[in-house]
Every structure is written in C-alpha cells, then in structure tokens.
C-alpha cells in the first residue's frame, strides 16, 4: 500500500485488516498512545514544512485557537490533541504564541 496514493490507497486501506499498530522506522507504535501522537506531530511538521499552501493556511490563523472536529470523532487522536499539535507547530514555525 505504501506505493499507492489518493483513492487507490484509500480503497486498499478499506480492505486491509484492522489493527491498532503501526510500524514506522522499524518501531512498533500503538494507535492512540503518546508515541502515536508524537509520530503524528512529525508527520504534520513534514507536511507544513514541505507544502507551502498548507503552511500559509496554518500561519494565516495567527494566534487564534484551533479546533479539530471529525464527523465521528477519533478514537486514536482526540480533536483537542490534534489541534494542540497544529498550534504547537504554528508556534514553532512562526514564533506566534499558539496557546
């Protein structure tokens, strides 16, 4: 699946067996744990560092509080944690107090 993107990756993922474990850089990470949240922070940092429109959108929020709400709620990364990750990254990337 790692070579797929877009709807092909989504479709392949839907057929994959359910698991709460992820292997990243030869490390086993359980979804919903502190380590998982740290991995998500690394992924978001990579995204905002490499994708100028996403970075500009994040920095364009200034110092306003951010919230993340998914339709069904996340069992692995609560919205408050995800929003905190974004605000922390915004602070790191701009020097603007995020919270």
Protein backbone atom coordinates (compact mmCIF):
# COMPACT_ATOMS: atom_id res chain seq x y z
CA UNK A 1 0.00 0.00 0.00
CA UNK A 2 2.88 2.38 0.65
CA UNK A 3 3.35 2.93 -3.09
CA UNK A 4 -0.30 3.94 -3.58
CA UNK A 5 -1.83 7.39 -3.31
CA UNK A 6 -5.22 9.04 -3.43
CA UNK A 7 -8.34 6.94 -3.86
CA UNK A 8 -6.31 3.81 -4.68
CA UNK A 9 -4.65 3.99 -1.23
CA UNK A 10 -7.97 4.69 0.46
CA UNK A 11 -9.62 1.75 -1.29
CA UNK A 12 -6.73 -0.58 -0.44
CA UNK A 13 -6.81 0.56 3.17
CA UNK A 14 -10.51 -0.21 3.46
CA UNK A 15 -9.80 -3.84 2.62
CA UNK A 16 -6.82 -4.14 4.98
CA UNK A 17 -7.18 -6.00 8.27
CA UNK A 18 -7.96 -3.79 11.26
CA UNK A 19 -5.08 -3.13 13.63
CA UNK A 20 -4.13 -0.52 16.17
CA UNK A 21 -0.42 -1.00 15.46
CA UNK A 22 1.76 0.96 13.04
CA UNK A 23 5.37 0.23 12.15
CA UNK A 24 7.40 3.33 11.43
CA UNK A 25 11.17 3.34 11.03
CA UNK A 26 11.27 -0.22 12.43
CA UNK A 27 9.45 0.88 15.60
CA UNK A 28 6.06 -0.55 16.55
CA UNK A 29 3.66 2.21 17.58
CA UNK A 30 0.22 1.58 19.08
CA UNK A 31 -2.50 3.96 17.86
CA UNK A 32 -3.85 6.30 20.49
CA UNK A 33 -0.68 6.40 22.58
CA UNK A 34 1.71 9.25 23.33
CA UNK A 35 4.17 7.74 20.81
CA UNK A 36 1.46 7.77 18.14
CA UNK A 37 0.71 11.41 18.83
CA UNK A 38 4.43 12.23 18.56
CA UNK A 39 4.54 10.43 15.22
CA UNK A 40 1.55 12.48 14.06
CA UNK A 41 3.37 15.64 15.09
CA UNK A 42 6.37 14.60 12.97
CA UNK A 43 4.06 13.91 10.01
CA UNK A 44 2.31 17.27 10.36
CA UNK A 45 5.65 19.07 10.64
CA UNK A 46 6.79 17.39 7.43
CA UNK A 47 3.54 18.37 5.72
CA UNK A 48 3.68 22.02 6.76
CA UNK A 49 7.42 22.24 6.02
CA UNK A 50 7.05 20.85 2.51
CA UNK A 51 3.67 22.15 1.35
CA UNK A 52 3.61 25.95 1.16
CA UNK A 53 -0.20 26.33 0.79
CA UNK A 54 -0.78 24.22 3.92
CA UNK A 55 1.89 26.15 5.84
CA UNK A 56 0.44 29.50 4.75
CA UNK A 57 -3.04 28.38 5.83
CA UNK A 58 -1.71 27.33 9.24
CA UNK A 59 0.30 30.52 9.76
CA UNK A 60 -2.65 32.56 8.48
CA UNK A 61 -4.61 31.58 11.59
CA UNK A 62 -2.36 33.88 13.63
CA UNK A 63 -2.68 33.23 17.35
CA UNK A 64 -6.32 32.15 17.20
CA UNK A 65 -7.22 28.91 18.96
CA UNK A 66 -7.68 25.97 16.62
CA UNK A 67 -10.16 23.12 16.98
CA UNK A 68 -10.38 19.83 15.16
CA UNK A 69 -13.69 18.06 14.85
CA UNK A 70 -14.17 14.95 12.79
CA UNK A 71 -17.62 13.71 11.91
CA UNK A 72 -17.46 10.66 14.16
CA UNK A 73 -14.65 11.68 16.46
CA UNK A 74 -11.29 9.99 16.57
CA UNK A 75 -10.63 7.11 18.90
CA UNK A 76 -6.88 7.42 18.42
CA UNK A 77 -6.15 11.16 18.34
CA UNK A 78 -8.76 13.30 20.10
CA UNK A 79 -9.54 16.62 18.43
CA UNK A 80 -8.02 18.59 21.29
CA UNK A 81 -4.71 16.73 20.84
CA UNK A 82 -4.70 17.26 17.07
CA UNK A 83 -5.49 20.95 17.45
CA UNK A 84 -2.73 21.21 20.06
CA UNK A 85 -0.26 19.65 17.63
CA UNK A 86 -1.20 22.21 14.98
CA UNK A 87 -0.95 25.15 17.40
CA UNK A 88 2.43 23.94 18.69
CA UNK A 89 3.72 23.61 15.13
CA UNK A 90 2.36 27.04 14.26
CA UNK A 91 4.31 28.46 17.20
CA UNK A 92 7.49 26.63 16.17
CA UNK A 93 7.16 27.75 12.56
CA UNK A 94 6.25 31.38 13.14
CA UNK A 95 7.06 32.45 16.65
CA UNK A 96 3.40 33.40 17.14
CA UNK A 97 2.09 32.23 20.51
CA UNK A 98 -0.34 29.45 19.72
CA UNK A 99 -1.98 28.88 23.08
